[in-house]
Amino acid sequence: MDTKAIEYHVREILKAIGENPDREGLRETPRRVAKMYEEVFAGTGYSNHEIAEMFGKTFACDTDAQESSAIVMRDISVFSYCEHHMALMYDMRVNVAYIPRGRVLGLSKIARICDMAAKRLQLQERLGHDIAEIIAEAAHSPDVGVQISGFHSCMTARGIRNVSAQTVTKTFLGAFRTDTELQKLVENK
């Protein structure tokens, strides 16, 4: 990530909106924004495959006991930025379920995958697909379901300014596509 270019352009944006980038409260803003972007867009530097490799630590499980059961993790908290307005997508909750195929992912890896996939300019719909694709590869299972619910500041802070509008997206792979009982596992209750 080119933090020097970000600093330069943030300074130019400050000028363009009529601010004085040399005033006390704004002098360090370009550097702070560049540092923040480096953190909140860290996922931009990785493909879904690379994220799956990064967080693909699995453990053997008893196939007979696990194959008929799903692993479900709910309410994973993430945030992202909308690629249309670079506006914050916030209070996002991700529910993930998958059917293990002889191995299970470390639980923290599921949350880390969600977090890293969100650290890109995103659409909520793509984020759900990215998480499902990464979980499928990392867990070695084609059967994955993901639900995301969240708020978008491009809806709540500008434009329509509808502060209660929540967006819910669902992505189903493998057996989750047709099995309504599996789909219910990822839905908010």
C-alpha atoms as a PDB file:
ATOM      1  CA  MET A   1       0.000   0.000   0.000  1.00  0.00           C
ATOM      2  CA  ASP A   2       1.362   3.382  -0.974  1.00  0.00           C
ATOM      3  CA  THR A   3       0.812   5.361   2.240  1.00  0.00           C
ATOM      4  CA  LYS A   4       2.731   8.396   0.925  1.00  0.00           C
ATOM      5  CA  ALA A   5       0.336   8.665  -2.024  1.00  0.00           C
ATOM      6  CA  ILE A   6      -2.630   8.342   0.349  1.00  0.00           C
ATOM      7  CA  GLU A   7      -1.222  11.135   2.537  1.00  0.00           C
ATOM      8  CA  TYR A   8      -0.775  13.374  -0.503  1.00  0.00           C
ATOM      9  CA  HIS A   9      -4.279  12.754  -1.809  1.00  0.00           C
ATOM     10  CA  VAL A  10      -5.967  13.169   1.581  1.00  0.00           C
ATOM     11  CA  ARG A  11      -4.230  16.528   1.879  1.00  0.00           C
ATOM     12  CA  GLU A  12      -5.553  17.450  -1.571  1.00  0.00           C
ATOM     13  CA  ILE A  13      -9.072  16.325  -0.601  1.00  0.00           C
ATOM     14  CA  LEU A  14      -8.913  18.537   2.484  1.00  0.00           C
ATOM     15  CA  LYS A  15      -8.044  21.470   0.235  1.00  0.00           C
ATOM     16  CA  ALA A  16     -10.768  20.547  -2.264  1.00  0.00           C
ATOM     17  CA  ILE A  17     -13.486  20.624   0.410  1.00  0.00           C
ATOM     18  CA  GLY A  18     -12.324  24.070   1.527  1.00  0.00           C
ATOM     19  CA  GLU A  19     -10.310  23.084   4.589  1.00  0.00           C
ATOM     20  CA  ASN A  20      -6.836  24.245   5.518  1.00  0.00           C
ATOM     21  CA  PRO A  21      -4.693  21.099   5.838  1.00  0.00           C
ATOM     22  CA  ASP A  22      -2.091  23.145   7.756  1.00  0.00           C
ATOM     23  CA  ARG A  23      -4.388  24.095  10.620  1.00  0.00           C
ATOM     24  CA  GLU A  24      -3.655  22.466  13.970  1.00  0.00           C
ATOM     25  CA  GLY A  25      -6.458  19.881  13.952  1.00  0.00           C
ATOM     26  CA  LEU A  26      -5.707  18.711  10.408  1.00  0.00           C
ATOM     27  CA  ARG A  27      -1.898  18.753  10.170  1.00  0.00           C
ATOM     28  CA  GLU A  28      -1.546  15.066  11.039  1.00  0.00           C
ATOM     29  CA  THR A  29      -4.814  13.942   9.403  1.00  0.00           C
ATOM     30  CA  PRO A  30      -3.272  12.774   6.096  1.00  0.00           C
ATOM     31  CA  ARG A  31      -0.765  10.579   7.974  1.00  0.00           C
ATOM     32  CA  ARG A  32      -3.463   9.232  10.319  1.00  0.00           C
ATOM     33  CA  VAL A  33      -5.799   8.429   7.403  1.00  0.00           C
ATOM     34  CA  ALA A  34      -2.981   6.646   5.537  1.00  0.00           C
ATOM     35  CA  LYS A  35      -2.207   4.574   8.640  1.00  0.00           C
ATOM     36  CA  MET A  36      -5.913   3.792   9.110  1.00  0.00           C
ATOM     37  CA  TYR A  37      -6.289   2.758   5.447  1.00  0.00           C
ATOM     38  CA  GLU A  38      -3.297   0.457   5.793  1.00  0.00           C
ATOM     39  CA  GLU A  39      -5.140  -1.298   8.626  1.00  0.00           C
ATOM     40  CA  VAL A  40      -8.763  -1.294   7.407  1.00  0.00           C
ATOM     41  CA  PHE A  41      -7.869  -2.297   3.831  1.00  0.00           C
ATOM     42  CA  ALA A  42      -5.281  -4.953   4.759  1.00  0.00           C
ATOM     43  CA  GLY A  43      -7.316  -7.639   2.968  1.00  0.00           C
ATOM     44  CA  THR A  44      -6.857  -5.893  -0.371  1.00  0.00           C
ATOM     45  CA  GLY A  45      -3.388  -7.375  -0.677  1.00  0.00           C
ATOM     46  CA  TYR A  46      -4.619 -10.982  -0.542  1.00  0.00           C
ATOM     47  CA  SER A  47      -6.688 -13.206  -2.807  1.00  0.00           C
ATOM     48  CA  ASN A  48      -9.372 -15.461  -1.335  1.00  0.00           C
ATOM     49  CA  HIS A  49      -7.018 -18.395  -1.897  1.00  0.00           C
ATOM     50  CA  GLU A  50      -4.213 -16.671   0.030  1.00  0.00           C
ATOM     51  CA  ILE A  51      -6.578 -15.911   2.928  1.00  0.00           C
ATOM     52  CA  ALA A  52      -7.678 -19.571   2.967  1.00  0.00           C
ATOM     53  CA  GLU A  53      -4.030 -20.630   3.160  1.00  0.00           C
ATOM     54  CA  MET A  54      -3.264 -18.027   5.831  1.00  0.00           C
ATOM     55  CA  PHE A  55      -6.119 -19.142   8.107  1.00  0.00           C
ATOM     56  CA  GLY A  56      -6.544 -22.744   6.991  1.00  0.00           C
ATOM     57  CA  LYS A  57      -5.394 -24.437  10.203  1.00  0.00           C
ATOM     58  CA  THR A  58      -7.544 -27.543  10.576  1.00  0.00           C
ATOM     59  CA  PHE A  59      -7.750 -30.392  13.039  1.00  0.00           C
ATOM     60  CA  ALA A  60      -8.772 -33.990  12.444  1.00  0.00           C
ATOM     61  CA  CYS A  61     -12.237 -34.901  13.624  1.00  0.00           C
ATOM     62  CA  ASP A  62     -14.180 -38.119  13.965  1.00  0.00           C
ATOM     63  CA  THR A  63     -15.800 -38.237  10.528  1.00  0.00           C
ATOM     64  CA  ASP A  64     -18.700 -40.447  11.662  1.00  0.00           C
ATOM     65  CA  ALA A  65     -19.587 -38.059  14.483  1.00  0.00           C
ATOM     66  CA  GLN A  66     -19.030 -34.837  12.538  1.00  0.00           C
ATOM     67  CA  GLU A  67     -20.122 -35.419   8.955  1.00  0.00           C
ATOM     68  CA  SER A  68     -23.821 -35.299   9.817  1.00  0.00           C
ATOM     69  CA  SER A  69     -23.340 -32.188  11.959  1.00  0.00           C
ATOM     70  CA  ALA A  70     -22.614 -28.617  11.028  1.00  0.00           C
ATOM     71  CA  ILE A  71     -20.187 -26.261  12.731  1.00  0.00           C
ATOM     72  CA  VAL A  72     -21.971 -22.942  13.324  1.00  0.00           C
ATOM     73  CA  MET A  73     -20.497 -19.648  14.499  1.00  0.00           C
ATOM     74  CA  ARG A  74     -22.821 -16.696  14.957  1.00  0.00           C
ATOM     75  CA  ASP A  75     -22.527 -12.964  15.459  1.00  0.00           C
ATOM     76  CA  ILE A  76     -18.977 -12.506  14.220  1.00  0.00           C
ATOM     77  CA  SER A  77     -18.523  -8.752  14.282  1.00  0.00           C
ATOM     78  CA  VAL A  78     -16.904  -7.098  11.251  1.00  0.00           C
ATOM     79  CA  PHE A  79     -16.984  -3.796   9.424  1.00  0.00           C
ATOM     80  CA  SER A  80     -16.078  -2.893   5.884  1.00  0.00           C
ATOM     81  CA  TYR A  81     -16.227  -0.045   3.388  1.00  0.00           C
ATOM     82  CA  CYS A  82     -18.658   0.156   0.489  1.00  0.00           C
ATOM     83  CA  GLU A  83     -16.865   0.306  -2.842  1.00  0.00           C
ATOM     84  CA  HIS A  84     -19.446   2.721  -4.271  1.00  0.00           C
ATOM     85  CA  HIS A  85     -19.008   5.572  -1.763  1.00  0.00           C
ATOM     86  CA  MET A  86     -16.108   4.321   0.395  1.00  0.00           C
ATOM     87  CA  ALA A  87     -18.691   4.626   3.178  1.00  0.00           C
ATOM     88  CA  LEU A  88     -18.565   2.550   6.340  1.00  0.00           C
ATOM     89  CA  MET A  89     -20.602  -0.651   6.525  1.00  0.00           C
ATOM     90  CA  TYR A  90     -21.011  -1.137  10.270  1.00  0.00           C
ATOM     91  CA  ASP A  91     -22.620  -3.208  13.012  1.00  0.00           C
ATOM     92  CA  MET A  92     -22.191  -6.121  10.640  1.00  0.00           C
ATOM     93  CA  ARG A  93     -22.824  -9.574  12.071  1.00  0.00           C
ATOM     94  CA  VAL A  94     -21.702 -12.661  10.182  1.00  0.00           C
ATOM     95  CA  ASN A  95     -23.103 -16.140  10.784  1.00  0.00           C
ATOM     96  CA  VAL A  96     -21.116 -19.011   9.266  1.00  0.00           C
ATOM     97  CA  ALA A  97     -21.943 -22.718   9.089  1.00  0.00           C
ATOM     98  CA  TYR A  98     -20.171 -25.570   7.332  1.00  0.00           C
ATOM     99  CA  ILE A  99     -20.296 -29.342   7.308  1.00  0.00           C
ATOM    100  CA  PRO A 100     -16.881 -30.774   8.190  1.00  0.00           C
ATOM    101  CA  ARG A 101     -15.357 -33.406   5.960  1.00  0.00           C
ATOM    102  CA  GLY A 102     -12.934 -35.161   8.311  1.00  0.00           C
ATOM    103  CA  ARG A 103     -11.294 -31.923   9.485  1.00  0.00           C
ATOM    104  CA  VAL A 104     -12.484 -28.825  11.328  1.00  0.00           C
ATOM    105  CA  LEU A 105     -11.183 -25.279  11.219  1.00  0.00           C
ATOM    106  CA  GLY A 106      -9.839 -23.711  14.379  1.00  0.00           C
ATOM    107  CA  LEU A 107     -12.699 -21.533  15.655  1.00  0.00           C
ATOM    108  CA  SER A 108     -10.634 -18.351  15.720  1.00  0.00           C
ATOM    109  CA  LYS A 109      -9.788 -18.962  12.063  1.00  0.00           C
ATOM    110  CA  ILE A 110     -13.449 -18.572  11.093  1.00  0.00           C
ATOM    111  CA  ALA A 111     -13.577 -15.112  12.696  1.00  0.00           C
ATOM    112  CA  ARG A 112     -10.180 -14.183  11.206  1.00  0.00           C
ATOM    113  CA  ILE A 113     -11.362 -15.169   7.723  1.00  0.00           C
ATOM    114  CA  CYS A 114     -14.458 -12.971   8.099  1.00  0.00           C
ATOM    115  CA  ASP A 115     -12.353 -10.065   9.359  1.00  0.00           C
ATOM    116  CA  MET A 116      -9.733 -10.271   6.598  1.00  0.00           C
ATOM    117  CA  ALA A 117     -12.310 -10.640   3.818  1.00  0.00           C
ATOM    118  CA  ALA A 118     -14.061  -7.514   5.148  1.00  0.00           C
ATOM    119  CA  LYS A 119     -10.823  -5.500   5.000  1.00  0.00           C
ATOM    120  CA  ARG A 120     -11.349  -4.615   1.352  1.00  0.00           C
ATOM    121  CA  LEU A 121     -13.571  -2.211  -0.512  1.00  0.00           C
ATOM    122  CA  GLN A 122     -16.604  -4.456  -0.683  1.00  0.00           C
ATOM    123  CA  LEU A 123     -20.214  -5.034  -1.504  1.00  0.00           C
ATOM    124  CA  GLN A 124     -22.011  -6.922   1.241  1.00  0.00           C
ATOM    125  CA  GLU A 125     -23.153  -9.511  -1.292  1.00  0.00           C
ATOM    126  CA  ARG A 126     -19.575 -10.131  -2.452  1.00  0.00           C
ATOM    127  CA  LEU A 127     -18.307 -10.233   1.127  1.00  0.00           C
ATOM    128  CA  GLY A 128     -20.692 -13.118   1.894  1.00  0.00           C
ATOM    129  CA  HIS A 129     -19.559 -14.977  -1.217  1.00  0.00           C
ATOM    130  CA  ASP A 130     -15.869 -14.323  -0.419  1.00  0.00           C
ATOM    131  CA  ILE A 131     -16.272 -15.637   3.138  1.00  0.00           C
ATOM    132  CA  ALA A 132     -18.124 -18.747   1.916  1.00  0.00           C
ATOM    133  CA  GLU A 133     -15.483 -19.424  -0.755  1.00  0.00           C
ATOM    134  CA  ILE A 134     -12.610 -18.998   1.714  1.00  0.00           C
ATOM    135  CA  ILE A 135     -14.273 -21.182   4.388  1.00  0.00           C
ATOM    136  CA  ALA A 136     -14.977 -23.886   1.781  1.00  0.00           C
ATOM    137  CA  GLU A 137     -11.335 -23.969   0.742  1.00  0.00           C
ATOM    138  CA  ALA A 138      -9.866 -23.656   4.236  1.00  0.00           C
ATOM    139  CA  ALA A 139     -12.187 -26.274   5.768  1.00  0.00           C
ATOM    140  CA  HIS A 140     -11.998 -28.595   2.732  1.00  0.00           C
ATOM    141  CA  SER A 141     -15.794 -28.662   2.613  1.00  0.00           C
ATOM    142  CA  PRO A 142     -18.066 -27.700  -0.287  1.00  0.00           C
ATOM    143  CA  ASP A 143     -20.991 -27.188   2.119  1.00  0.00           C
ATOM    144  CA  VAL A 144     -20.992 -23.650   3.545  1.00  0.00           C
ATOM    145  CA  GLY A 145     -23.630 -21.108   4.500  1.00  0.00           C
ATOM    146  CA  VAL A 146     -23.040 -17.435   5.351  1.00  0.00           C
ATOM    147  CA  GLN A 147     -25.477 -14.747   6.444  1.00  0.00           C
ATOM    148  CA  ILE A 148     -24.469 -11.126   6.957  1.00  0.00           C
ATOM    149  CA  SER A 149     -26.631  -8.405   8.458  1.00  0.00           C
ATOM    150  CA  GLY A 150     -25.417  -4.842   8.714  1.00  0.00           C
ATOM    151  CA  PHE A 151     -25.932  -1.141   8.302  1.00  0.00           C
ATOM    152  CA  HIS A 152     -24.459   1.024   5.558  1.00  0.00           C
ATOM    153  CA  SER A 153     -23.578   4.652   6.192  1.00  0.00           C
ATOM    154  CA  CYS A 154     -24.245   5.358   2.516  1.00  0.00           C
ATOM    155  CA  MET A 155     -27.898   4.681   3.495  1.00  0.00           C
ATOM    156  CA  THR A 156     -27.914   6.027   7.053  1.00  0.00           C
ATOM    157  CA  ALA A 157     -25.689   9.142   6.916  1.00  0.00           C
ATOM    158  CA  ARG A 158     -26.290  10.414   3.377  1.00  0.00           C
ATOM    159  CA  GLY A 159     -28.815  10.102   0.597  1.00  0.00           C
ATOM    160  CA  ILE A 160     -32.039   8.654   1.988  1.00  0.00           C
ATOM    161  CA  ARG A 161     -30.736   8.875   5.600  1.00  0.00           C
ATOM    162  CA  ASN A 162     -32.777   5.911   6.735  1.00  0.00           C
ATOM    163  CA  VAL A 163     -31.044   4.998   9.982  1.00  0.00           C
ATOM    164  CA  SER A 164     -33.027   1.817  10.610  1.00  0.00           C
ATOM    165  CA  ALA A 165     -32.468   0.191   7.188  1.00  0.00           C
ATOM    166  CA  GLN A 166     -30.546  -3.033   7.724  1.00  0.00           C
ATOM    167  CA  THR A 167     -29.224  -5.147   4.858  1.00  0.00           C
ATOM    168  CA  VAL A 168     -29.265  -8.959   5.089  1.00  0.00           C
ATOM    169  CA  THR A 169     -27.481 -11.172   2.570  1.00  0.00           C
ATOM    170  CA  LYS A 170     -27.174 -14.950   2.407  1.00  0.00           C
ATOM    171  CA  THR A 171     -24.730 -17.112   0.487  1.00  0.00           C
ATOM    172  CA  PHE A 172     -25.179 -20.876   0.249  1.00  0.00           C
ATOM    173  CA  LEU A 173     -22.722 -23.355  -1.255  1.00  0.00           C
ATOM    174  CA  GLY A 174     -23.069 -27.102  -1.714  1.00  0.00           C
ATOM    175  CA  ALA A 175     -25.754 -28.778   0.399  1.00  0.00           C
ATOM    176  CA  PHE A 176     -26.780 -25.397   1.868  1.00  0.00           C
ATOM    177  CA  ARG A 177     -28.201 -24.348  -1.527  1.00  0.00           C
ATOM    178  CA  THR A 178     -31.122 -26.767  -1.390  1.00  0.00           C
ATOM    179  CA  ASP A 179     -31.425 -27.907   2.234  1.00  0.00           C
ATOM    180  CA  THR A 180     -33.700 -25.477   4.074  1.00  0.00           C
ATOM    181  CA  GLU A 181     -32.823 -27.019   7.446  1.00  0.00           C
ATOM    182  CA  LEU A 182     -29.145 -26.237   6.833  1.00  0.00           C
ATOM    183  CA  GLN A 183     -30.063 -22.730   5.687  1.00  0.00           C
ATOM    184  CA  LYS A 184     -31.843 -22.116   8.997  1.00  0.00           C
ATOM    185  CA  LEU A 185     -28.549 -22.732  10.815  1.00  0.00           C
ATOM    186  CA  VAL A 186     -27.086 -19.455   9.537  1.00  0.00           C
ATOM    187  CA  GLU A 187     -30.212 -17.334   9.908  1.00  0.00           C
ATOM    188  CA  ASN A 188     -30.646 -14.963  12.827  1.00  0.00           C
ATOM    189  CA  LYS A 189     -32.999 -16.366  15.431  1.00  0.00           C
END
